[in-house]
Amino acid sequence: QVQLVESGGGLVQAGDSLRLSCAASGRTFSTYAMGWFRQAPGRERNFVAAISWSGGSTYYADSVKGRFTISRDNAKNTVYLQMNSLKPEDTAVYSCAADYRGNGNNLYFQRSYDYWGQGTQVTVSS
């Protein structure tokens, strides 16, 4: 069992930056690929970014490529999402997820993930 707790959300203005964190319980964090998804009001949850268990591979949605960076610190059981140049359309609840031994293009899909956090709200004003 893995528990995930997100933090770092908030209200910012367009152009600002935020860093989200997702802390994971358990001693097997390094065996999980990690992903970030987001859900805006009235819309489906969508893929944002993912990182392989080793951190050697990263994946991004086209809408955030070049602005967001995903990283992980396996010693701290934490995955991060650095979000720069935020736009109002980035407003959403951001959730992290864990995929046991996940890799490759499977990481784009919600069904690949085994555990989910509760989410943290990010609001970007114009």
C-alpha atoms as a PDB file:
ATOM      1  CA  GLN A   1       0.000   0.000   0.000  1.00  0.00           C
ATOM      2  CA  VAL A   2       1.249   3.456  -0.942  1.00  0.00           C
ATOM      3  CA  GLN A   3      -0.235   6.677   0.369  1.00  0.00           C
ATOM      4  CA  LEU A   4       0.308   9.871  -1.558  1.00  0.00           C
ATOM      5  CA  VAL A   5      -0.084  13.388  -0.192  1.00  0.00           C
ATOM      6  CA  GLU A   6       0.175  16.433  -2.424  1.00  0.00           C
ATOM      7  CA  SER A   7       1.077  19.934  -1.315  1.00  0.00           C
ATOM      8  CA  GLY A   8       2.140  23.263  -2.755  1.00  0.00           C
ATOM      9  CA  GLY A   9      -0.997  24.384  -4.521  1.00  0.00           C
ATOM     10  CA  GLY A  10      -2.406  27.866  -4.210  1.00  0.00           C
ATOM     11  CA  LEU A  11      -3.650  31.012  -5.905  1.00  0.00           C
ATOM     12  CA  VAL A  12      -1.175  32.753  -8.200  1.00  0.00           C
ATOM     13  CA  GLN A  13      -1.227  35.213 -11.059  1.00  0.00           C
ATOM     14  CA  ALA A  14      -0.590  34.405 -14.690  1.00  0.00           C
ATOM     15  CA  GLY A  15       3.142  34.160 -15.331  1.00  0.00           C
ATOM     16  CA  ASP A  16       3.972  33.064 -11.793  1.00  0.00           C
ATOM     17  CA  SER A  17       5.515  29.778 -10.722  1.00  0.00           C
ATOM     18  CA  LEU A  18       4.552  27.063  -8.256  1.00  0.00           C
ATOM     19  CA  ARG A  19       6.176  23.837  -7.165  1.00  0.00           C
ATOM     20  CA  LEU A  20       3.946  20.955  -6.215  1.00  0.00           C
ATOM     21  CA  SER A  21       5.187  18.121  -4.050  1.00  0.00           C
ATOM     22  CA  CYS A  22       3.855  14.612  -3.610  1.00  0.00           C
ATOM     23  CA  ALA A  23       5.104  12.700  -0.598  1.00  0.00           C
ATOM     24  CA  ALA A  24       4.763   8.928  -0.653  1.00  0.00           C
ATOM     25  CA  SER A  25       4.661   6.499   2.227  1.00  0.00           C
ATOM     26  CA  GLY A  26       6.425   3.166   2.214  1.00  0.00           C
ATOM     27  CA  ARG A  27       9.918   1.915   1.496  1.00  0.00           C
ATOM     28  CA  THR A  28       9.369   0.928  -2.112  1.00  0.00           C
ATOM     29  CA  PHE A  29       8.921   4.363  -3.649  1.00  0.00           C
ATOM     30  CA  SER A  30      11.804   3.820  -6.035  1.00  0.00           C
ATOM     31  CA  THR A  31       9.940   0.938  -7.700  1.00  0.00           C
ATOM     32  CA  TYR A  32       7.057   3.192  -8.763  1.00  0.00           C
ATOM     33  CA  ALA A  33       6.830   5.434 -11.762  1.00  0.00           C
ATOM     34  CA  MET A  34       5.037   8.623 -10.775  1.00  0.00           C
ATOM     35  CA  GLY A  35       2.610  10.808 -12.631  1.00  0.00           C
ATOM     36  CA  TRP A  36       0.756  14.092 -12.280  1.00  0.00           C
ATOM     37  CA  PHE A  37      -2.753  14.559 -13.590  1.00  0.00           C
ATOM     38  CA  ARG A  38      -5.121  17.505 -13.372  1.00  0.00           C
ATOM     39  CA  GLN A  39      -8.843  18.058 -13.465  1.00  0.00           C
ATOM     40  CA  ALA A  40     -10.431  21.409 -14.177  1.00  0.00           C
ATOM     41  CA  PRO A  41     -14.021  22.110 -13.071  1.00  0.00           C
ATOM     42  CA  GLY A  42     -16.513  20.289 -15.253  1.00  0.00           C
ATOM     43  CA  ARG A  43     -13.799  18.541 -17.250  1.00  0.00           C
ATOM     44  CA  GLU A  44     -12.140  15.136 -17.333  1.00  0.00           C
ATOM     45  CA  ARG A  45      -8.922  14.413 -15.530  1.00  0.00           C
ATOM     46  CA  ASN A  46      -5.982  14.702 -17.911  1.00  0.00           C
ATOM     47  CA  PHE A  47      -2.351  13.673 -17.966  1.00  0.00           C
ATOM     48  CA  VAL A  48       0.207  16.354 -17.143  1.00  0.00           C
ATOM     49  CA  ALA A  49       3.588  14.691 -16.625  1.00  0.00           C
ATOM     50  CA  ALA A  50       5.230  11.443 -15.542  1.00  0.00           C
ATOM     51  CA  ILE A  51       8.635  10.184 -14.518  1.00  0.00           C
ATOM     52  CA  SER A  52      10.101   6.700 -14.560  1.00  0.00           C
ATOM     53  CA  TRP A  53      11.056   4.918 -11.362  1.00  0.00           C
ATOM     54  CA  SER A  54      14.716   5.818 -11.864  1.00  0.00           C
ATOM     55  CA  GLY A  55      14.029   9.372 -12.952  1.00  0.00           C
ATOM     56  CA  GLY A  56      15.786   8.715 -16.217  1.00  0.00           C
ATOM     57  CA  SER A  57      12.744   9.251 -18.412  1.00  0.00           C
ATOM     58  CA  THR A  58      10.130  11.973 -18.289  1.00  0.00           C
ATOM     59  CA  TYR A  59       6.915  12.505 -20.213  1.00  0.00           C
ATOM     60  CA  TYR A  60       4.811  15.633 -20.689  1.00  0.00           C
ATOM     61  CA  ALA A  61       1.506  16.696 -22.114  1.00  0.00           C
ATOM     62  CA  ASP A  62       1.964  19.043 -25.057  1.00  0.00           C
ATOM     63  CA  SER A  63       0.129  21.796 -23.181  1.00  0.00           C
ATOM     64  CA  VAL A  64       2.793  21.975 -20.462  1.00  0.00           C
ATOM     65  CA  LYS A  65       5.934  21.012 -22.357  1.00  0.00           C
ATOM     66  CA  GLY A  66       8.639  23.623 -21.847  1.00  0.00           C
ATOM     67  CA  ARG A  67       6.857  25.160 -18.830  1.00  0.00           C
ATOM     68  CA  PHE A  68       6.533  22.281 -16.352  1.00  0.00           C
ATOM     69  CA  THR A  69       9.266  19.999 -15.054  1.00  0.00           C
ATOM     70  CA  ILE A  70       8.745  16.755 -13.171  1.00  0.00           C
ATOM     71  CA  SER A  71      11.459  15.384 -10.913  1.00  0.00           C
ATOM     72  CA  ARG A  72      11.827  12.959  -8.043  1.00  0.00           C
ATOM     73  CA  ASP A  73      13.976  12.430  -4.994  1.00  0.00           C
ATOM     74  CA  ASN A  74      13.867   8.755  -4.095  1.00  0.00           C
ATOM     75  CA  ALA A  75      15.741   9.384  -0.841  1.00  0.00           C
ATOM     76  CA  LYS A  76      12.874  11.638   0.256  1.00  0.00           C
ATOM     77  CA  ASN A  77      10.063   9.557  -1.281  1.00  0.00           C
ATOM     78  CA  THR A  78       8.890  12.674  -3.066  1.00  0.00           C
ATOM     79  CA  VAL A  79       8.022  13.681  -6.600  1.00  0.00           C
ATOM     80  CA  TYR A  80       7.843  17.319  -7.666  1.00  0.00           C
ATOM     81  CA  LEU A  81       6.148  19.309 -10.377  1.00  0.00           C
ATOM     82  CA  GLN A  82       7.776  22.660 -11.052  1.00  0.00           C
ATOM     83  CA  MET A  83       5.288  24.837 -12.907  1.00  0.00           C
ATOM     84  CA  ASN A  84       6.530  28.015 -14.575  1.00  0.00           C
ATOM     85  CA  SER A  85       4.803  30.609 -16.734  1.00  0.00           C
ATOM     86  CA  LEU A  86       1.443  29.573 -15.376  1.00  0.00           C
ATOM     87  CA  LYS A  87      -1.672  30.367 -17.380  1.00  0.00           C
ATOM     88  CA  PRO A  88      -5.319  30.639 -16.321  1.00  0.00           C
ATOM     89  CA  GLU A  89      -6.003  27.429 -18.243  1.00  0.00           C
ATOM     90  CA  ASP A  90      -3.664  25.599 -15.852  1.00  0.00           C
ATOM     91  CA  THR A  91      -6.266  26.070 -13.121  1.00  0.00           C
ATOM     92  CA  ALA A  92      -7.235  22.624 -11.832  1.00  0.00           C
ATOM     93  CA  VAL A  93      -6.930  20.119  -9.037  1.00  0.00           C
ATOM     94  CA  TYR A  94      -3.570  18.429  -9.454  1.00  0.00           C
ATOM     95  CA  SER A  95      -3.189  14.835  -8.322  1.00  0.00           C
ATOM     96  CA  CYS A  96      -0.183  12.593  -8.192  1.00  0.00           C
ATOM     97  CA  ALA A  97      -0.311   8.877  -8.868  1.00  0.00           C
ATOM     98  CA  ALA A  98       1.976   5.862  -8.532  1.00  0.00           C
ATOM     99  CA  ASP A  99       2.425   3.068 -11.073  1.00  0.00           C
ATOM    100  CA  TYR A 100       4.274  -0.011  -9.818  1.00  0.00           C
ATOM    101  CA  ARG A 101       7.190  -0.671 -12.176  1.00  0.00           C
ATOM    102  CA  GLY A 102       5.510   1.503 -14.754  1.00  0.00           C
ATOM    103  CA  ASN A 103       7.335   2.656 -17.841  1.00  0.00           C
ATOM    104  CA  GLY A 104       6.977   4.019 -21.304  1.00  0.00           C
ATOM    105  CA  ASN A 105       3.851   5.255 -22.980  1.00  0.00           C
ATOM    106  CA  ASN A 106       1.627   3.502 -20.437  1.00  0.00           C
ATOM    107  CA  LEU A 107       2.374   6.375 -18.099  1.00  0.00           C
ATOM    108  CA  TYR A 108       0.117   8.670 -20.130  1.00  0.00           C
ATOM    109  CA  PHE A 109      -2.948   6.694 -19.089  1.00  0.00           C
ATOM    110  CA  GLN A 110      -4.800   6.882 -15.785  1.00  0.00           C
ATOM    111  CA  ARG A 111      -5.625   3.176 -15.859  1.00  0.00           C
ATOM    112  CA  SER A 112      -1.935   2.349 -15.500  1.00  0.00           C
ATOM    113  CA  TYR A 113      -1.701   3.824 -12.016  1.00  0.00           C
ATOM    114  CA  ASP A 114      -2.242   1.893  -8.828  1.00  0.00           C
ATOM    115  CA  TYR A 115      -2.453   4.640  -6.195  1.00  0.00           C
ATOM    116  CA  TRP A 116      -3.714   8.216  -6.173  1.00  0.00           C
ATOM    117  CA  GLY A 117      -3.439  11.210  -3.917  1.00  0.00           C
ATOM    118  CA  GLN A 118      -6.319  13.478  -2.929  1.00  0.00           C
ATOM    119  CA  GLY A 119      -5.120  16.392  -4.987  1.00  0.00           C
ATOM    120  CA  THR A 120      -4.133  20.013  -4.456  1.00  0.00           C
ATOM    121  CA  GLN A 121      -5.873  23.030  -5.960  1.00  0.00           C
ATOM    122  CA  VAL A 122      -3.990  25.333  -8.294  1.00  0.00           C
ATOM    123  CA  THR A 123      -5.736  28.536  -9.328  1.00  0.00           C
ATOM    124  CA  VAL A 124      -4.172  30.941 -11.807  1.00  0.00           C
ATOM    125  CA  SER A 125      -5.762  34.353 -12.138  1.00  0.00           C
ATOM    126  CA  SER A 126      -5.440  36.472 -15.253  1.00  0.00           C
END
